[in-house]
Amino acid sequence: GIQQETRDKVITYRKPEDQRKWLYEN
């Protein structure tokens, strides 16, 4: 639901290297 929305945006709009960076920050 709403709790998956942030991750959905990460998957949709970020490249793998940016996904890893996002995970470190969040």
PDB file of all heavy atoms in Angstrom:
ATOM      1  N   GLY A   1       0.810  -1.216   0.000  1.00  0.00           N
ATOM      2  CA  GLY A   1       0.000   0.000   0.000  1.00  0.00           C
ATOM      3  C   GLY A   1       0.842   1.263   0.000  1.00  0.00           C
ATOM      4  O   GLY A   1       1.824   1.394  -0.722  1.00  0.00           O
ATOM      5  N   ILE A   2       0.434   2.200   0.840  1.00  0.00           N
ATOM      6  CA  ILE A   2       1.122   3.497   0.882  1.00  0.00           C
ATOM      7  C   ILE A   2       2.568   3.334   1.341  1.00  0.00           C
ATOM      8  O   ILE A   2       3.455   4.092   0.916  1.00  0.00           O
ATOM      9  CB  ILE A   2       0.331   4.468   1.780  1.00  0.00           C
ATOM     10  CG1 ILE A   2      -1.016   4.787   1.116  1.00  0.00           C
ATOM     11  CG2 ILE A   2       1.103   5.769   2.018  1.00  0.00           C
ATOM     12  CD1 ILE A   2      -1.959   5.617   1.956  1.00  0.00           C
ATOM     13  N   GLN A   3       2.842   2.326   2.170  1.00  0.00           N
ATOM     14  CA  GLN A   3       4.216   2.135   2.646  1.00  0.00           C
ATOM     15  C   GLN A   3       5.167   1.651   1.546  1.00  0.00           C
ATOM     16  O   GLN A   3       6.380   1.738   1.708  1.00  0.00           O
ATOM     17  CB  GLN A   3       4.242   1.173   3.840  1.00  0.00           C
ATOM     18  CG  GLN A   3       3.585   1.730   5.098  1.00  0.00           C
ATOM     19  CD  GLN A   3       4.366   1.412   6.356  1.00  0.00           C
ATOM     20  OE1 GLN A   3       5.472   1.923   6.553  1.00  0.00           O
ATOM     21  NE2 GLN A   3       3.802   0.578   7.221  1.00  0.00           N
ATOM     22  N   GLN A   4       4.624   1.152   0.437  1.00  0.00           N
ATOM     23  CA  GLN A   4       5.514   0.718  -0.657  1.00  0.00           C
ATOM     24  C   GLN A   4       5.785   1.830  -1.665  1.00  0.00           C
ATOM     25  O   GLN A   4       6.607   1.669  -2.565  1.00  0.00           O
ATOM     26  CB  GLN A   4       4.937  -0.511  -1.359  1.00  0.00           C
ATOM     27  CG  GLN A   4       3.602  -0.310  -2.050  1.00  0.00           C
ATOM     28  CD  GLN A   4       3.645   0.305  -3.423  1.00  0.00           C
ATOM     29  OE1 GLN A   4       4.462  -0.092  -4.256  1.00  0.00           O
ATOM     30  NE2 GLN A   4       2.765   1.265  -3.690  1.00  0.00           N
ATOM     31  N   GLU A   5       5.083   2.953  -1.552  1.00  0.00           N
ATOM     32  CA  GLU A   5       5.177   3.971  -2.592  1.00  0.00           C
ATOM     33  C   GLU A   5       6.585   4.547  -2.754  1.00  0.00           C
ATOM     34  O   GLU A   5       7.042   4.782  -3.876  1.00  0.00           O
ATOM     35  CB  GLU A   5       4.182   5.093  -2.299  1.00  0.00           C
ATOM     36  CG  GLU A   5       2.736   4.677  -2.504  1.00  0.00           C
ATOM     37  CD  GLU A   5       1.744   5.806  -2.270  1.00  0.00           C
ATOM     38  OE1 GLU A   5       2.186   6.930  -1.930  1.00  0.00           O
ATOM     39  OE2 GLU A   5       0.541   5.561  -2.413  1.00  0.00           O
ATOM     40  N   THR A   6       7.268   4.774  -1.650  1.00  0.00           N
ATOM     41  CA  THR A   6       8.621   5.323  -1.739  1.00  0.00           C
ATOM     42  C   THR A   6       9.536   4.363  -2.488  1.00  0.00           C
ATOM     43  O   THR A   6      10.303   4.774  -3.386  1.00  0.00           O
ATOM     44  CB  THR A   6       9.187   5.592  -0.342  1.00  0.00           C
ATOM     45  OG1 THR A   6       8.314   6.484   0.359  1.00  0.00           O
ATOM     46  CG2 THR A   6      10.568   6.214  -0.425  1.00  0.00           C
ATOM     47  N   ARG A   7       9.462   3.074  -2.130  1.00  0.00           N
ATOM     48  CA  ARG A   7      10.302   2.087  -2.826  1.00  0.00           C
ATOM     49  C   ARG A   7       9.909   1.956  -4.297  1.00  0.00           C
ATOM     50  O   ARG A   7      10.767   1.785  -5.169  1.00  0.00           O
ATOM     51  CB  ARG A   7      10.181   0.726  -2.143  1.00  0.00           C
ATOM     52  CG  ARG A   7      11.271   0.386  -1.141  1.00  0.00           C
ATOM     53  CD  ARG A   7      11.120   1.082   0.146  1.00  0.00           C
ATOM     54  NE  ARG A   7      12.248   0.841   1.046  1.00  0.00           N
ATOM     55  CZ  ARG A   7      12.399   1.467   2.211  1.00  0.00           C
ATOM     56  NH1 ARG A   7      11.503   2.369   2.585  1.00  0.00           N
ATOM     57  NH2 ARG A   7      13.442   1.226   2.974  1.00  0.00           N
ATOM     58  N   ASP A   8       8.623   2.043  -4.580  1.00  0.00           N
ATOM     59  CA  ASP A   8       8.173   1.979  -5.967  1.00  0.00           C
ATOM     60  C   ASP A   8       8.819   3.085  -6.797  1.00  0.00           C
ATOM     61  O   ASP A   8       9.265   2.851  -7.933  1.00  0.00           O
ATOM     62  CB  ASP A   8       6.649   2.102  -6.017  1.00  0.00           C
ATOM     63  CG  ASP A   8       6.121   2.188  -7.437  1.00  0.00           C
ATOM     64  OD1 ASP A   8       6.263   1.213  -8.190  1.00  0.00           O
ATOM     65  OD2 ASP A   8       5.592   3.257  -7.805  1.00  0.00           O
ATOM     66  N   LYS A   9       8.898   4.292  -6.242  1.00  0.00           N
ATOM     67  CA  LYS A   9       9.539   5.409  -6.958  1.00  0.00           C
ATOM     68  C   LYS A   9      11.033   5.154  -7.146  1.00  0.00           C
ATOM     69  O   LYS A   9      11.612   5.508  -8.177  1.00  0.00           O
ATOM     70  CB  LYS A   9       9.307   6.711  -6.205  1.00  0.00           C
ATOM     71  CG  LYS A   9       7.868   7.213  -6.259  1.00  0.00           C
ATOM     72  CD  LYS A   9       7.730   8.536  -5.537  1.00  0.00           C
ATOM     73  CE  LYS A   9       6.332   9.112  -5.667  1.00  0.00           C
ATOM     74  NZ  LYS A   9       5.301   8.284  -5.053  1.00  0.00           N
ATOM     75  N   VAL A  10      11.671   4.564  -6.138  1.00  0.00           N
ATOM     76  CA  VAL A  10      13.101   4.245  -6.244  1.00  0.00           C
ATOM     77  C   VAL A  10      13.330   3.253  -7.384  1.00  0.00           C
ATOM     78  O   VAL A  10      14.258   3.412  -8.201  1.00  0.00           O
ATOM     79  CB  VAL A  10      13.631   3.675  -4.918  1.00  0.00           C
ATOM     80  CG1 VAL A  10      15.046   3.121  -5.082  1.00  0.00           C
ATOM     81  CG2 VAL A  10      13.617   4.755  -3.841  1.00  0.00           C
ATOM     82  N   ILE A  11      12.472   2.230  -7.458  1.00  0.00           N
ATOM     83  CA  ILE A  11      12.609   1.215  -8.505  1.00  0.00           C
ATOM     84  C   ILE A  11      12.362   1.829  -9.887  1.00  0.00           C
ATOM     85  O   ILE A  11      13.080   1.552 -10.849  1.00  0.00           O
ATOM     86  CB  ILE A  11      11.620   0.059  -8.253  1.00  0.00           C
ATOM     87  CG1 ILE A  11      11.970  -0.656  -6.942  1.00  0.00           C
ATOM     88  CG2 ILE A  11      11.616  -0.923  -9.413  1.00  0.00           C
ATOM     89  CD1 ILE A  11      10.882  -1.596  -6.449  1.00  0.00           C
ATOM     90  N   THR A  12      11.337   2.675  -9.973  1.00  0.00           N
ATOM     91  CA  THR A  12      10.905   3.206 -11.264  1.00  0.00           C
ATOM     92  C   THR A  12      11.846   4.278 -11.808  1.00  0.00           C
ATOM     93  O   THR A  12      12.141   4.311 -13.010  1.00  0.00           O
ATOM     94  CB  THR A  12       9.482   3.780 -11.147  1.00  0.00           C
ATOM     95  OG1 THR A  12       8.601   2.764 -10.670  1.00  0.00           O
ATOM     96  CG2 THR A  12       8.980   4.295 -12.489  1.00  0.00           C
ATOM     97  N   TYR A  13      12.326   5.144 -10.933  1.00  0.00           N
ATOM     98  CA  TYR A  13      13.010   6.349 -11.404  1.00  0.00           C
ATOM     99  C   TYR A  13      14.513   6.396 -11.124  1.00  0.00           C
ATOM    100  O   TYR A  13      15.187   7.315 -11.576  1.00  0.00           O
ATOM    101  CB  TYR A  13      12.357   7.584 -10.787  1.00  0.00           C
ATOM    102  CG  TYR A  13      10.898   7.730 -11.142  1.00  0.00           C
ATOM    103  CD1 TYR A  13       9.909   7.588 -10.179  1.00  0.00           C
ATOM    104  CD2 TYR A  13      10.505   7.992 -12.451  1.00  0.00           C
ATOM    105  CE1 TYR A  13       8.557   7.708 -10.502  1.00  0.00           C
ATOM    106  CE2 TYR A  13       9.162   8.109 -12.789  1.00  0.00           C
ATOM    107  CZ  TYR A  13       8.196   7.968 -11.810  1.00  0.00           C
ATOM    108  OH  TYR A  13       6.877   8.079 -12.129  1.00  0.00           O
ATOM    109  N   ARG A  14      15.059   5.436 -10.386  1.00  0.00           N
ATOM    110  CA  ARG A  14      16.490   5.488 -10.074  1.00  0.00           C
ATOM    111  C   ARG A  14      17.246   4.331 -10.729  1.00  0.00           C
ATOM    112  O   ARG A  14      16.766   3.200 -10.758  1.00  0.00           O
ATOM    113  CB  ARG A  14      16.723   5.448  -8.558  1.00  0.00           C
ATOM    114  CG  ARG A  14      16.276   6.727  -7.848  1.00  0.00           C
ATOM    115  CD  ARG A  14      16.484   6.598  -6.351  1.00  0.00           C
ATOM    116  NE  ARG A  14      16.068   7.799  -5.637  1.00  0.00           N
ATOM    117  CZ  ARG A  14      16.888   8.745  -5.213  1.00  0.00           C
ATOM    118  NH1 ARG A  14      18.194   8.614  -5.407  1.00  0.00           N
ATOM    119  NH2 ARG A  14      16.434   9.805  -4.562  1.00  0.00           N
ATOM    120  N   LYS A  15      18.452   4.643 -11.187  1.00  0.00           N
ATOM    121  CA  LYS A  15      19.339   3.617 -11.722  1.00  0.00           C
ATOM    122  C   LYS A  15      19.914   2.810 -10.568  1.00  0.00           C
ATOM    123  O   LYS A  15      19.918   3.266  -9.415  1.00  0.00           O
ATOM    124  CB  LYS A  15      20.464   4.276 -12.529  1.00  0.00           C
ATOM    125  CG  LYS A  15      19.957   5.024 -13.761  1.00  0.00           C
ATOM    126  CD  LYS A  15      21.111   5.701 -14.498  1.00  0.00           C
ATOM    127  CE  LYS A  15      20.600   6.456 -15.718  1.00  0.00           C
ATOM    128  NZ  LYS A  15      21.691   7.153 -16.441  1.00  0.00           N
ATOM    129  N   PRO A  16      20.421   1.596 -10.845  1.00  0.00           N
ATOM    130  CA  PRO A  16      20.926   0.734  -9.764  1.00  0.00           C
ATOM    131  C   PRO A  16      21.931   1.412  -8.834  1.00  0.00           C
ATOM    132  O   PRO A  16      21.861   1.253  -7.608  1.00  0.00           O
ATOM    133  CB  PRO A  16      21.555  -0.442 -10.520  1.00  0.00           C
ATOM    134  CG  PRO A  16      20.739  -0.536 -11.763  1.00  0.00           C
ATOM    135  CD  PRO A  16      20.412   0.889 -12.131  1.00  0.00           C
ATOM    136  N   GLU A  17      22.875   2.192  -9.403  1.00  0.00           N
ATOM    137  CA  GLU A  17      23.865   2.835  -8.524  1.00  0.00           C
ATOM    138  C   GLU A  17      23.213   3.884  -7.621  1.00  0.00           C
ATOM    139  O   GLU A  17      23.644   4.091  -6.478  1.00  0.00           O
ATOM    140  CB  GLU A  17      24.988   3.465  -9.346  1.00  0.00           C
ATOM    141  CG  GLU A  17      24.532   4.495 -10.378  1.00  0.00           C
ATOM    142  CD  GLU A  17      24.245   3.910 -11.734  1.00  0.00           C
ATOM    143  OE1 GLU A  17      23.910   2.700 -11.819  1.00  0.00           O
ATOM    144  OE2 GLU A  17      24.358   4.651 -12.726  1.00  0.00           O
ATOM    145  N   ASP A  18      22.150   4.539  -8.125  1.00  0.00           N
ATOM    146  CA  ASP A  18      21.431   5.513  -7.309  1.00  0.00           C
ATOM    147  C   ASP A  18      20.532   4.813  -6.287  1.00  0.00           C
ATOM    148  O   ASP A  18      20.284   5.340  -5.205  1.00  0.00           O
ATOM    149  CB  ASP A  18      20.591   6.437  -8.193  1.00  0.00           C
ATOM    150  CG  ASP A  18      21.441   7.347  -9.051  1.00  0.00           C
ATOM    151  OD1 ASP A  18      22.536   7.730  -8.587  1.00  0.00           O
ATOM    152  OD2 ASP A  18      21.032   7.660 -10.188  1.00  0.00           O
ATOM    153  N   GLN A  19      20.043   3.625  -6.643  1.00  0.00           N
ATOM    154  CA  GLN A  19      19.249   2.849  -5.691  1.00  0.00           C
ATOM    155  C   GLN A  19      20.086   2.473  -4.468  1.00  0.00           C
ATOM    156  O   GLN A  19      19.638   2.597  -3.325  1.00  0.00           O
ATOM    157  CB  GLN A  19      18.711   1.578  -6.356  1.00  0.00           C
ATOM    158  CG  GLN A  19      17.655   1.836  -7.420  1.00  0.00           C
ATOM    159  CD  GLN A  19      17.199   0.558  -8.102  1.00  0.00           C
ATOM    160  OE1 GLN A  19      17.661  -0.544  -7.778  1.00  0.00           O
ATOM    161  NE2 GLN A  19      16.297   0.693  -9.072  1.00  0.00           N
ATOM    162  N   ARG A  20      21.299   2.022  -4.719  1.00  0.00           N
ATOM    163  CA  ARG A  20      22.187   1.652  -3.603  1.00  0.00           C
ATOM    164  C   ARG A  20      22.473   2.874  -2.731  1.00  0.00           C
ATOM    165  O   ARG A  20      22.423   2.790  -1.498  1.00  0.00           O
ATOM    166  CB  ARG A  20      23.492   1.055  -4.144  1.00  0.00           C
ATOM    167  CG  ARG A  20      24.488   0.640  -3.054  1.00  0.00           C
ATOM    168  CD  ARG A  20      25.755   0.109  -3.690  1.00  0.00           C
ATOM    169  NE  ARG A  20      25.549  -1.186  -4.301  1.00  0.00           N
ATOM    170  CZ  ARG A  20      25.722  -2.345  -3.668  1.00  0.00           C
ATOM    171  NH1 ARG A  20      26.111  -2.366  -2.400  1.00  0.00           N
ATOM    172  NH2 ARG A  20      25.523  -3.484  -4.297  1.00  0.00           N
ATOM    173  N   LYS A  21      22.738   4.008  -3.353  1.00  0.00           N
ATOM    174  CA  LYS A  21      22.988   5.236  -2.590  1.00  0.00           C
ATOM    175  C   LYS A  21      21.771   5.609  -1.761  1.00  0.00           C
ATOM    176  O   LYS A  21      21.883   5.988  -0.589  1.00  0.00           O
ATOM    177  CB  LYS A  21      23.343   6.369  -3.550  1.00  0.00           C
ATOM    178  CG  LYS A  21      23.647   7.691  -2.861  1.00  0.00           C
ATOM    179  CD  LYS A  21      23.983   8.780  -3.879  1.00  0.00           C
ATOM    180  CE  LYS A  21      24.217  10.119  -3.181  1.00  0.00           C
ATOM    181  NZ  LYS A  21      24.514  11.207  -4.153  1.00  0.00           N
ATOM    182  N   TRP A  22      20.587   5.480  -2.362  1.00  0.00           N
ATOM    183  CA  TRP A  22      19.354   5.795  -1.643  1.00  0.00           C
ATOM    184  C   TRP A  22      19.191   4.881  -0.435  1.00  0.00           C
ATOM    185  O   TRP A  22      18.774   5.328   0.646  1.00  0.00           O
ATOM    186  CB  TRP A  22      18.153   5.651  -2.595  1.00  0.00           C
ATOM    187  CG  TRP A  22      16.852   6.071  -1.968  1.00  0.00           C
ATOM    188  CD1 TRP A  22      16.292   7.311  -1.989  1.00  0.00           C
ATOM    189  CD2 TRP A  22      15.966   5.237  -1.216  1.00  0.00           C
ATOM    190  NE1 TRP A  22      15.111   7.313  -1.297  1.00  0.00           N
ATOM    191  CE2 TRP A  22      14.877   6.054  -0.801  1.00  0.00           C
ATOM    192  CE3 TRP A  22      15.973   3.901  -0.832  1.00  0.00           C
ATOM    193  CZ2 TRP A  22      13.814   5.561  -0.047  1.00  0.00           C
ATOM    194  CZ3 TRP A  22      14.918   3.400  -0.070  1.00  0.00           C
ATOM    195  CH2 TRP A  22      13.858   4.229   0.304  1.00  0.00           C
ATOM    196  N   LEU A  23      19.499   3.615  -0.588  1.00  0.00           N
ATOM    197  CA  LEU A  23      19.379   2.670   0.528  1.00  0.00           C
ATOM    198  C   LEU A  23      20.316   3.039   1.675  1.00  0.00           C
ATOM    199  O   LEU A  23      19.933   2.953   2.856  1.00  0.00           O
ATOM    200  CB  LEU A  23      19.664   1.243   0.045  1.00  0.00           C
ATOM    201  CG  LEU A  23      18.540   0.583  -0.762  1.00  0.00           C
ATOM    202  CD1 LEU A  23      19.051  -0.681  -1.441  1.00  0.00           C
ATOM    203  CD2 LEU A  23      17.350   0.267   0.134  1.00  0.00           C
ATOM    204  N   TYR A  24      21.525   3.467   1.345  1.00  0.00           N
ATOM    205  CA  TYR A  24      22.438   3.909   2.403  1.00  0.00           C
ATOM    206  C   TYR A  24      21.858   5.104   3.163  1.00  0.00           C
ATOM    207  O   TYR A  24      21.976   5.201   4.387  1.00  0.00           O
ATOM    208  CB  TYR A  24      23.801   4.289   1.816  1.00  0.00           C
ATOM    209  CG  TYR A  24      24.772   3.135   1.703  1.00  0.00           C
ATOM    210  CD1 TYR A  24      25.120   2.609   0.465  1.00  0.00           C
ATOM    211  CD2 TYR A  24      25.338   2.578   2.844  1.00  0.00           C
ATOM    212  CE1 TYR A  24      26.009   1.548   0.357  1.00  0.00           C
ATOM    213  CE2 TYR A  24      26.225   1.513   2.751  1.00  0.00           C
ATOM    214  CZ  TYR A  24      26.566   0.996   1.513  1.00  0.00           C
ATOM    215  OH  TYR A  24      27.439  -0.063   1.425  1.00  0.00           O
ATOM    216  N   GLU A  25      21.209   6.003   2.431  1.00  0.00           N
ATOM    217  CA  GLU A  25      20.695   7.216   3.061  1.00  0.00           C
ATOM    218  C   GLU A  25      19.396   6.993   3.818  1.00  0.00           C
ATOM    219  O   GLU A  25      19.043   7.771   4.699  1.00  0.00           O
ATOM    220  CB  GLU A  25      20.476   8.295   1.987  1.00  0.00           C
ATOM    221  CG  GLU A  25      21.761   8.787   1.349  1.00  0.00           C
ATOM    222  CD  GLU A  25      21.512   9.687   0.152  1.00  0.00           C
ATOM    223  OE1 GLU A  25      20.347   9.749  -0.320  1.00  0.00           O
ATOM    224  OE2 GLU A  25      22.472  10.318  -0.331  1.00  0.00           O
ATOM    225  N   ASN A  26      18.681   5.914   3.497  1.00  0.00           N
ATOM    226  CA  ASN A  26      17.335   5.747   4.044  1.00  0.00           C
ATOM    227  C   ASN A  26      17.127   4.446   4.815  1.00  0.00           C
ATOM    228  O   ASN A  26      15.991   4.082   5.116  1.00  0.00           O
ATOM    229  CB  ASN A  26      16.306   5.827   2.914  1.00  0.00           C
ATOM    230  CG  ASN A  26      16.217   7.216   2.307  1.00  0.00           C
ATOM    231  OD1 ASN A  26      15.508   8.075   2.796  1.00  0.00           O
ATOM    232  ND2 ASN A  26      16.956   7.429   1.224  1.00  0.00           N
TER     233      ASN A  26
END
